[in-house]
Amino acid sequence: MTDLSRPARPVILGQNQYGKAENRVVKITRDGDTHHIKDLNVSVALSGDMDDVHYSGSNANVLPTDTTKNTVYAFAKEHGIESAEQFGIHLARHFVTSQEPIKTARIRIEEYTWERIATSDANSKFIGSDEVNHSFVRKGQETRVTQITYDGESWEVISGLKDLTVMNSTNSEFWGYVKDKYTTLKEAYDRILATEVSGRWRFNWTDDDERMPNWEKSYEQVRKHMLQAFAETYSLSLQQTLYQMGARIINHRSEIDEVRFSLPNKHHFLVDLEPFGLKNDNEVYFAADRPYGLIEATILRDGCEPHIPVDLTNL
């Protein structure tokens, strides 16, 4: 029952933002007969002096979300897409500097990679070209992601990837863990270690006066060091492997101060073949999709504070 003797507490507006989500833009760059593809999914979120539109419905400070969509496509033509990060920086700077009510712009981008299809010599000659440079197959290994936030003074760039599935078929163990009355898992001294990597890394570039990283090279190198660490770590736990992956990135890439990983353990269980009179010598496994162990952690350069959200879904 409502207590009518108490005065009503005031209601105020909290954090808010608006924009156009998931603008799919594909940019083809034609270098003679050789073509290049950048395939992005761009989401724009703007915040600033937006009290009136919430309180009274006045749209005086509102840039239509349809306009933000059009800006994405126009900028793909005007500025090209050198990298997801650079494209996001162009967009964020434009929205904050061109619209006085807008104080902060956050641009999230997913990038889908295409690989050039290698053709046979016979086929190339058949169509009358020495080499085919315009046919592609969508690369299915991972999705590249980035988030650019700009408040008119400083930048925050958090890039990463998701859906990168990796496996070590040996050089992984799991034993010596806590056991109680509910523990049934057997200790493993030679197991498959597999995971689907979701990772983010934060750049220490924050100011226009600082030298901007080479975004494309940085991504390639981070991915390389991450995969090398996964392959070269003799793993006693997925946590150990995760730390080595992050540490390798921090130690080799001076432009990055923070890395966060979310690694589901893609369990592979040995199948009991004894009922069939067969011995399973670490050869036949059942790949379980759920439930799965989920290992998450942040790795930081010493002296740096964490900024990447603990829940990666909230990036």
Foldseek 3Di string as FASTA:
>chain_A
DDDPVDDDDDDDDDDDKDAAFFQWDWAWDPPDQAIDIWTKGKTKIWDFPDRCCVPPVDCPQPDDNVVLSVVLHVCCVVVNPPDPVVSQVVSFLCVCVVRPRTQKMKMKMKIWDKDFDFDDCVVCVVVPHRGHNPDTDTDDQWIKMWMWMDRPFKIKIKIWIWQHKDKDLWLEWEDPDDDDPPDDDDGGPTHMWMWTKTKMWIFPGIGPVDDDDPVVVLVVVLVVLLVVLLHPDSYHDVLVSVQSSFVSSVVPPVRTFKMKIKIWGQDWAFDDCVVVVDDCPSPDTDGDPDDTDIDIDMDGDPPDDDDQDRPNVVD
